[in-house]
PDB file of N, CA and C in Angstrom:
ATOM      1  N   MET A   1     -23.636  -4.434 -28.352  1.00  0.00           N
ATOM      2  CA  MET A   1     -23.314  -3.366 -28.529  1.00  0.00           C
ATOM      3  C   MET A   1     -21.778  -3.464 -29.109  1.00  0.00           C
ATOM      4  N   ASP A   2     -21.673  -2.671 -29.773  1.00  0.00           N
ATOM      5  CA  ASP A   2     -20.462  -2.491 -30.602  1.00  0.00           C
ATOM      6  C   ASP A   2     -19.217  -1.458 -30.346  1.00  0.00           C
ATOM      7  N   LEU A   3     -18.504  -2.272 -29.737  1.00  0.00           N
ATOM      8  CA  LEU A   3     -17.516  -1.632 -28.856  1.00  0.00           C
ATOM      9  C   LEU A   3     -16.090  -1.788 -29.532  1.00  0.00           C
ATOM     10  N   SER A   4     -16.005  -1.959 -31.140  1.00  0.00           N
ATOM     11  CA  SER A   4     -15.189  -1.973 -31.907  1.00  0.00           C
ATOM     12  C   SER A   4     -14.567  -0.292 -31.797  1.00  0.00           C
ATOM     13  N   HIS A   5     -15.233   0.699 -31.661  1.00  0.00           N
ATOM     14  CA  HIS A   5     -14.739   2.074 -31.955  1.00  0.00           C
ATOM     15  C   HIS A   5     -14.747   2.724 -30.533  1.00  0.00           C
ATOM     16  N   ALA A   6     -13.948   3.686 -30.311  1.00  0.00           N
ATOM     17  CA  ALA A   6     -13.780   4.444 -28.984  1.00  0.00           C
ATOM     18  C   ALA A   6     -14.944   5.453 -28.997  1.00  0.00           C
ATOM     19  N   SER A   7     -15.536   5.784 -28.106  1.00  0.00           N
ATOM     20  CA  SER A   7     -16.418   6.614 -27.921  1.00  0.00           C
ATOM     21  C   SER A   7     -16.758   6.864 -26.545  1.00  0.00           C
ATOM     22  N   ILE A   8     -17.282   8.010 -25.695  1.00  0.00           N
ATOM     23  CA  ILE A   8     -17.865   8.051 -24.621  1.00  0.00           C
ATOM     24  C   ILE A   8     -18.939   6.966 -24.136  1.00  0.00           C
ATOM     25  N   THR A   9     -20.041   7.078 -25.067  1.00  0.00           N
ATOM     26  CA  THR A   9     -21.031   6.208 -25.016  1.00  0.00           C
ATOM     27  C   THR A   9     -20.497   4.485 -24.722  1.00  0.00           C
ATOM     28  N   ASN A  10     -19.476   4.075 -25.545  1.00  0.00           N
ATOM     29  CA  ASN A  10     -19.138   2.845 -25.237  1.00  0.00           C
ATOM     30  C   ASN A  10     -18.178   2.687 -24.093  1.00  0.00           C
ATOM     31  N   ILE A  11     -17.490   3.978 -23.475  1.00  0.00           N
ATOM     32  CA  ILE A  11     -16.546   3.889 -22.240  1.00  0.00           C
ATOM     33  C   ILE A  11     -17.902   3.904 -21.196  1.00  0.00           C
ATOM     34  N   ALA A  12     -18.974   4.669 -21.318  1.00  0.00           N
ATOM     35  CA  ALA A  12     -20.000   4.439 -20.165  1.00  0.00           C
ATOM     36  C   ALA A  12     -20.373   3.302 -20.154  1.00  0.00           C
ATOM     37  N   TYR A  13     -20.761   2.553 -21.364  1.00  0.00           N
ATOM     38  CA  TYR A  13     -21.365   1.369 -21.002  1.00  0.00           C
ATOM     39  C   TYR A  13     -20.318   0.464 -20.422  1.00  0.00           C
ATOM     40  N   MET A  14     -19.083   0.354 -20.851  1.00  0.00           N
ATOM     41  CA  MET A  14     -18.045  -0.523 -20.206  1.00  0.00           C
ATOM     42  C   MET A  14     -18.004  -0.299 -18.660  1.00  0.00           C
ATOM     43  N   LEU A  15     -17.901   0.819 -18.143  1.00  0.00           N
ATOM     44  CA  LEU A  15     -17.643   0.981 -16.911  1.00  0.00           C
ATOM     45  C   LEU A  15     -19.342   0.496 -16.177  1.00  0.00           C
ATOM     46  N   ASP A  16     -20.182   0.736 -16.569  1.00  0.00           N
ATOM     47  CA  ASP A  16     -21.471   0.153 -15.816  1.00  0.00           C
ATOM     48  C   ASP A  16     -21.173  -1.440 -16.113  1.00  0.00           C
ATOM     49  N   GLU A  17     -21.061  -1.621 -16.756  1.00  0.00           N
ATOM     50  CA  GLU A  17     -20.768  -3.378 -16.965  1.00  0.00           C
ATOM     51  C   GLU A  17     -19.654  -3.550 -15.729  1.00  0.00           C
ATOM     52  N   ILE A  18     -18.953  -2.770 -15.726  1.00  0.00           N
ATOM     53  CA  ILE A  18     -17.668  -3.174 -14.895  1.00  0.00           C
ATOM     54  C   ILE A  18     -18.035  -2.927 -13.386  1.00  0.00           C
ATOM     55  N   LYS A  19     -18.513  -1.901 -13.337  1.00  0.00           N
ATOM     56  CA  LYS A  19     -19.225  -2.110 -11.704  1.00  0.00           C
ATOM     57  C   LYS A  19     -20.298  -3.041 -11.536  1.00  0.00           C
ATOM     58  N   GLY A  20     -21.405  -3.130 -12.163  1.00  0.00           N
ATOM     59  CA  GLY A  20     -22.147  -4.181 -12.032  1.00  0.00           C
ATOM     60  C   GLY A  20     -21.452  -5.436 -11.757  1.00  0.00           C
ATOM     61  N   LYS A  21     -20.502  -6.055 -12.543  1.00  0.00           N
ATOM     62  CA  LYS A  21     -19.904  -6.934 -12.384  1.00  0.00           C
ATOM     63  C   LYS A  21     -18.846  -7.175 -10.990  1.00  0.00           C
ATOM     64  N   LEU A  22     -18.456  -6.234 -10.609  1.00  0.00           N
ATOM     65  CA  LEU A  22     -17.582  -6.183  -9.593  1.00  0.00           C
ATOM     66  C   LEU A  22     -18.557  -5.918  -8.181  1.00  0.00           C
ATOM     67  N   LYS A  23     -19.501  -5.558  -8.294  1.00  0.00           N
ATOM     68  CA  LYS A  23     -20.375  -5.318  -7.155  1.00  0.00           C
ATOM     69  C   LYS A  23     -19.815  -4.258  -6.496  1.00  0.00           C
ATOM     70  N   MET A  24     -19.473  -3.004  -7.105  1.00  0.00           N
ATOM     71  CA  MET A  24     -18.615  -2.074  -6.163  1.00  0.00           C
ATOM     72  C   MET A  24     -19.378  -1.348  -5.233  1.00  0.00           C
ATOM     73  N   ALA A  25     -19.101  -1.099  -4.069  1.00  0.00           N
ATOM     74  CA  ALA A  25     -19.610  -0.239  -3.143  1.00  0.00           C
ATOM     75  C   ALA A  25     -19.404   1.369  -3.665  1.00  0.00           C
ATOM     76  N   SER A  26     -18.457   1.566  -3.814  1.00  0.00           N
ATOM     77  CA  SER A  26     -18.013   2.868  -4.485  1.00  0.00           C
ATOM     78  C   SER A  26     -18.276   3.194  -5.877  1.00  0.00           C
ATOM     79  N   ALA A  27     -19.141   2.687  -6.541  1.00  0.00           N
ATOM     80  CA  ALA A  27     -19.407   2.865  -8.168  1.00  0.00           C
ATOM     81  C   ALA A  27     -19.460   4.195  -8.210  1.00  0.00           C
ATOM     82  N   ALA A  28     -20.253   4.946  -7.629  1.00  0.00           N
ATOM     83  CA  ALA A  28     -20.346   6.348  -8.010  1.00  0.00           C
ATOM     84  C   ALA A  28     -19.238   7.421  -8.181  1.00  0.00           C
ATOM     85  N   ALA A  29     -18.057   6.459  -7.563  1.00  0.00           N
ATOM     86  CA  ALA A  29     -16.733   7.249  -7.958  1.00  0.00           C
ATOM     87  C   ALA A  29     -16.269   7.011  -9.335  1.00  0.00           C
ATOM     88  N   ILE A  30     -16.888   6.010 -10.006  1.00  0.00           N
ATOM     89  CA  ILE A  30     -16.167   5.766 -11.420  1.00  0.00           C
ATOM     90  C   ILE A  30     -17.510   6.348 -12.313  1.00  0.00           C
ATOM     91  N   LYS A  31     -17.031   7.539 -13.215  1.00  0.00           N
ATOM     92  CA  LYS A  31     -18.000   8.111 -13.801  1.00  0.00           C
ATOM     93  C   LYS A  31     -17.189   8.129 -15.217  1.00  0.00           C
ATOM     94  N   PRO A  32     -17.893   7.801 -16.168  1.00  0.00           N
ATOM     95  CA  PRO A  32     -17.667   8.329 -17.668  1.00  0.00           C
ATOM     96  C   PRO A  32     -16.902   9.457 -17.722  1.00  0.00           C
ATOM     97  N   GLU A  33     -17.047  10.442 -17.364  1.00  0.00           N
ATOM     98  CA  GLU A  33     -16.369  12.027 -17.668  1.00  0.00           C
ATOM     99  C   GLU A  33     -15.119  11.844 -16.842  1.00  0.00           C
ATOM    100  N   HIS A  34     -15.132  10.896 -16.052  1.00  0.00           N
ATOM    101  CA  HIS A  34     -13.477  10.937 -15.517  1.00  0.00           C
ATOM    102  C   HIS A  34     -12.658  10.389 -16.363  1.00  0.00           C
ATOM    103  N   PHE A  35     -12.758   9.690 -17.707  1.00  0.00           N
ATOM    104  CA  PHE A  35     -12.067   8.972 -18.694  1.00  0.00           C
ATOM    105  C   PHE A  35     -11.911   9.819 -19.988  1.00  0.00           C
ATOM    106  N   ASP A  36     -10.763   9.810 -20.481  1.00  0.00           N
ATOM    107  CA  ASP A  36     -10.645  10.478 -22.116  1.00  0.00           C
ATOM    108  C   ASP A  36     -10.673   8.910 -22.949  1.00  0.00           C
ATOM    109  N   GLU A  37     -11.029   9.539 -24.089  1.00  0.00           N
ATOM    110  CA  GLU A  37     -11.277   8.462 -25.281  1.00  0.00           C
ATOM    111  C   GLU A  37      -9.984   7.859 -25.750  1.00  0.00           C
ATOM    112  N   ASN A  38      -8.865   8.692 -25.452  1.00  0.00           N
ATOM    113  CA  ASN A  38      -7.390   7.990 -25.664  1.00  0.00           C
ATOM    114  C   ASN A  38      -7.194   6.735 -24.697  1.00  0.00           C
ATOM    115  N   GLN A  39      -8.471   6.685 -23.603  1.00  0.00           N
ATOM    116  CA  GLN A  39      -7.612   5.437 -22.462  1.00  0.00           C
ATOM    117  C   GLN A  39      -8.826   4.467 -22.822  1.00  0.00           C
ATOM    118  N   TYR A  40      -9.406   4.426 -24.202  1.00  0.00           N
ATOM    119  CA  TYR A  40     -10.415   3.324 -24.449  1.00  0.00           C
ATOM    120  C   TYR A  40      -9.979   1.890 -24.355  1.00  0.00           C
ATOM    121  N   GLU A  41      -8.803   1.926 -25.104  1.00  0.00           N
ATOM    122  CA  GLU A  41      -8.155   0.285 -25.338  1.00  0.00           C
ATOM    123  C   GLU A  41      -7.825  -0.344 -23.454  1.00  0.00           C
ATOM    124  N   ASP A  42      -7.395   0.584 -22.940  1.00  0.00           N
ATOM    125  CA  ASP A  42      -7.146   0.129 -21.416  1.00  0.00           C
ATOM    126  C   ASP A  42      -8.446  -0.347 -20.778  1.00  0.00           C
ATOM    127  N   ILE A  43      -9.411   0.951 -20.903  1.00  0.00           N
ATOM    128  CA  ILE A  43     -10.730   0.337 -20.698  1.00  0.00           C
ATOM    129  C   ILE A  43     -11.122  -0.905 -20.897  1.00  0.00           C
ATOM    130  N   LYS A  44     -11.095  -0.984 -22.316  1.00  0.00           N
ATOM    131  CA  LYS A  44     -11.880  -2.152 -22.829  1.00  0.00           C
ATOM    132  C   LYS A  44     -10.970  -3.348 -22.504  1.00  0.00           C
ATOM    133  N   ASP A  45      -9.876  -3.654 -22.201  1.00  0.00           N
ATOM    134  CA  ASP A  45      -8.928  -4.705 -21.705  1.00  0.00           C
ATOM    135  C   ASP A  45      -9.364  -5.058 -20.203  1.00  0.00           C
ATOM    136  N   ILE A  46      -9.802  -4.181 -19.578  1.00  0.00           N
ATOM    137  CA  ILE A  46     -10.328  -4.307 -18.210  1.00  0.00           C
ATOM    138  C   ILE A  46     -11.362  -4.851 -18.079  1.00  0.00           C
ATOM    139  N   TYR A  47     -12.497  -4.467 -19.073  1.00  0.00           N
ATOM    140  CA  TYR A  47     -13.813  -4.698 -19.242  1.00  0.00           C
ATOM    141  C   TYR A  47     -13.776  -6.235 -19.669  1.00  0.00           C
ATOM    142  N   GLU A  48     -12.667  -6.569 -20.705  1.00  0.00           N
ATOM    143  CA  GLU A  48     -12.683  -8.012 -21.105  1.00  0.00           C
ATOM    144  C   GLU A  48     -12.319  -8.860 -20.082  1.00  0.00           C
ATOM    145  N   ILE A  49     -10.990  -8.419 -19.278  1.00  0.00           N
ATOM    146  CA  ILE A  49     -10.780  -9.290 -18.264  1.00  0.00           C
ATOM    147  C   ILE A  49     -12.088  -9.803 -17.238  1.00  0.00           C
ATOM    148  N   ILE A  50     -12.643  -8.540 -17.245  1.00  0.00           N
ATOM    149  CA  ILE A  50     -13.873  -8.948 -16.170  1.00  0.00           C
ATOM    150  C   ILE A  50     -14.771  -9.642 -16.735  1.00  0.00           C
ATOM    151  N   ASN A  51     -15.248  -9.573 -17.786  1.00  0.00           N
ATOM    152  CA  ASN A  51     -16.298 -10.414 -18.674  1.00  0.00           C
ATOM    153  C   ASN A  51     -15.666 -11.911 -18.841  1.00  0.00           C
ATOM    154  N   SER A  52     -14.689 -11.885 -18.617  1.00  0.00           N
ATOM    155  CA  SER A  52     -14.115 -13.332 -18.889  1.00  0.00           C
ATOM    156  C   SER A  52     -14.242 -14.603 -17.656  1.00  0.00           C
ATOM    157  N   LYS A  53     -14.384 -13.906 -16.538  1.00  0.00           N
ATOM    158  CA  LYS A  53     -14.478 -14.631 -15.528  1.00  0.00           C
ATOM    159  C   LYS A  53     -15.939 -14.586 -14.827  1.00  0.00           C
ATOM    160  N   ALA A  54     -16.342 -15.389 -14.076  1.00  0.00           N
ATOM    161  CA  ALA A  54     -17.503 -15.379 -13.343  1.00  0.00           C
ATOM    162  C   ALA A  54     -17.614 -14.825 -12.084  1.00  0.00           C
ATOM    163  N   ASN A  55     -16.191 -15.328 -11.175  1.00  0.00           N
ATOM    164  CA  ASN A  55     -16.023 -14.721  -9.858  1.00  0.00           C
ATOM    165  C   ASN A  55     -14.869 -13.827  -9.750  1.00  0.00           C
ATOM    166  N   PHE A  56     -14.357 -13.398  -8.690  1.00  0.00           N
ATOM    167  CA  PHE A  56     -13.501 -12.673  -8.537  1.00  0.00           C
ATOM    168  C   PHE A  56     -12.994 -12.409  -7.209  1.00  0.00           C
ATOM    169  N   SER A  57     -11.933 -12.589  -6.892  1.00  0.00           N
ATOM    170  CA  SER A  57     -11.267 -12.615  -5.387  1.00  0.00           C
ATOM    171  C   SER A  57     -11.106 -11.357  -4.751  1.00  0.00           C
ATOM    172  N   ILE A  58     -11.279 -10.544  -3.686  1.00  0.00           N
ATOM    173  CA  ILE A  58     -10.967  -9.378  -3.357  1.00  0.00           C
ATOM    174  C   ILE A  58      -9.978  -8.771  -3.546  1.00  0.00           C
ATOM    175  N   SER A  59      -8.465  -9.553  -3.611  1.00  0.00           N
ATOM    176  CA  SER A  59      -7.404  -8.853  -3.939  1.00  0.00           C
ATOM    177  C   SER A  59      -7.717  -8.573  -5.637  1.00  0.00           C
ATOM    178  N   GLU A  60      -8.235  -9.603  -6.480  1.00  0.00           N
ATOM    179  CA  GLU A  60      -8.574  -9.326  -8.116  1.00  0.00           C
ATOM    180  C   GLU A  60      -9.240  -7.917  -8.004  1.00  0.00           C
ATOM    181  N   ILE A  61     -10.347  -7.436  -7.111  1.00  0.00           N
ATOM    182  CA  ILE A  61     -11.254  -6.755  -7.454  1.00  0.00           C
ATOM    183  C   ILE A  61     -10.543  -5.443  -7.063  1.00  0.00           C
ATOM    184  N   GLU A  62      -9.285  -5.443  -5.846  1.00  0.00           N
ATOM    185  CA  GLU A  62      -9.065  -4.289  -5.537  1.00  0.00           C
ATOM    186  C   GLU A  62      -7.962  -4.059  -6.774  1.00  0.00           C
ATOM    187  N   GLN A  63      -7.153  -5.036  -7.216  1.00  0.00           N
ATOM    188  CA  GLN A  63      -6.454  -4.733  -8.454  1.00  0.00           C
ATOM    189  C   GLN A  63      -6.864  -3.944  -9.737  1.00  0.00           C
ATOM    190  N   LEU A  64      -8.168  -4.668 -10.153  1.00  0.00           N
ATOM    191  CA  LEU A  64      -8.696  -3.909 -11.280  1.00  0.00           C
ATOM    192  C   LEU A  64      -9.296  -2.511 -10.935  1.00  0.00           C
ATOM    193  N   VAL A  65      -9.674  -2.399  -9.717  1.00  0.00           N
ATOM    194  CA  VAL A  65     -10.348  -0.807  -9.435  1.00  0.00           C
ATOM    195  C   VAL A  65      -9.197   0.088  -9.290  1.00  0.00           C
ATOM    196  N   SER A  66      -7.936  -0.604  -8.891  1.00  0.00           N
ATOM    197  CA  SER A  66      -6.867   0.387  -8.763  1.00  0.00           C
ATOM    198  C   SER A  66      -6.401   0.435 -10.119  1.00  0.00           C
ATOM    199  N   GLU A  67      -6.252  -0.387 -11.263  1.00  0.00           N
ATOM    200  CA  GLU A  67      -6.069  -0.107 -12.636  1.00  0.00           C
ATOM    201  C   GLU A  67      -6.977   1.417 -13.023  1.00  0.00           C
ATOM    202  N   LEU A  68      -8.448   1.060 -12.860  1.00  0.00           N
ATOM    203  CA  LEU A  68      -9.337   1.738 -13.384  1.00  0.00           C
ATOM    204  C   LEU A  68      -8.892   3.484 -12.759  1.00  0.00           C
ATOM    205  N   GLY A  69      -8.338   3.470 -11.595  1.00  0.00           N
ATOM    206  CA  GLY A  69      -8.317   4.674 -10.686  1.00  0.00           C
ATOM    207  C   GLY A  69      -6.772   5.379 -11.626  1.00  0.00           C
ATOM    208  N   LYS A  70      -6.065   4.522 -11.904  1.00  0.00           N
ATOM    209  CA  LYS A  70      -4.759   5.007 -12.650  1.00  0.00           C
ATOM    210  C   LYS A  70      -4.916   5.651 -13.778  1.00  0.00           C
ATOM    211  N   LEU A  71      -6.195   5.196 -14.529  1.00  0.00           N
ATOM    212  CA  LEU A  71      -6.585   5.896 -15.708  1.00  0.00           C
ATOM    213  C   LEU A  71      -7.417   7.197 -15.790  1.00  0.00           C
ATOM    214  N   ARG A  72      -8.036   7.419 -14.549  1.00  0.00           N
ATOM    215  CA  ARG A  72      -8.771   8.646 -14.266  1.00  0.00           C
ATOM    216  C   ARG A  72      -8.110   9.599 -14.661  1.00  0.00           C
ATOM    217  N   LYS A  73      -8.823  10.506 -15.070  1.00  0.00           N
ATOM    218  CA  LYS A  73      -7.989  12.099 -15.314  1.00  0.00           C
ATOM    219  C   LYS A  73      -8.215  12.714 -14.092  1.00  0.00           C
ATOM    220  N   ILE A  74      -7.476  13.602 -13.552  1.00  0.00           N
ATOM    221  CA  ILE A  74      -7.531  14.461 -12.784  1.00  0.00           C
ATOM    222  C   ILE A  74      -8.678  15.633 -12.980  1.00  0.00           C
ATOM    223  N   VAL A  75      -9.847  15.716 -12.289  1.00  0.00           N
ATOM    224  CA  VAL A  75     -10.882  16.492 -12.374  1.00  0.00           C
ATOM    225  C   VAL A  75     -10.876  17.691 -11.275  1.00  0.00           C
TER     226      VAL A  75
END
């Protein structure tokens, strides 16, 4: 997938990958519509961090999920 440009489709893809890699119990709480395209680079940074490692500690998962939570728009 070409992630070089910001789009809702790319955000949805990255969020699905993040949720899968982190095996999140609350994955339903993170939906593409909760994010704006202007946050694309921040989401991509988190996506790249998650793809760079095979395993995560509980505290790392909590930190990454917390960062995603900070990016969510208020709905």
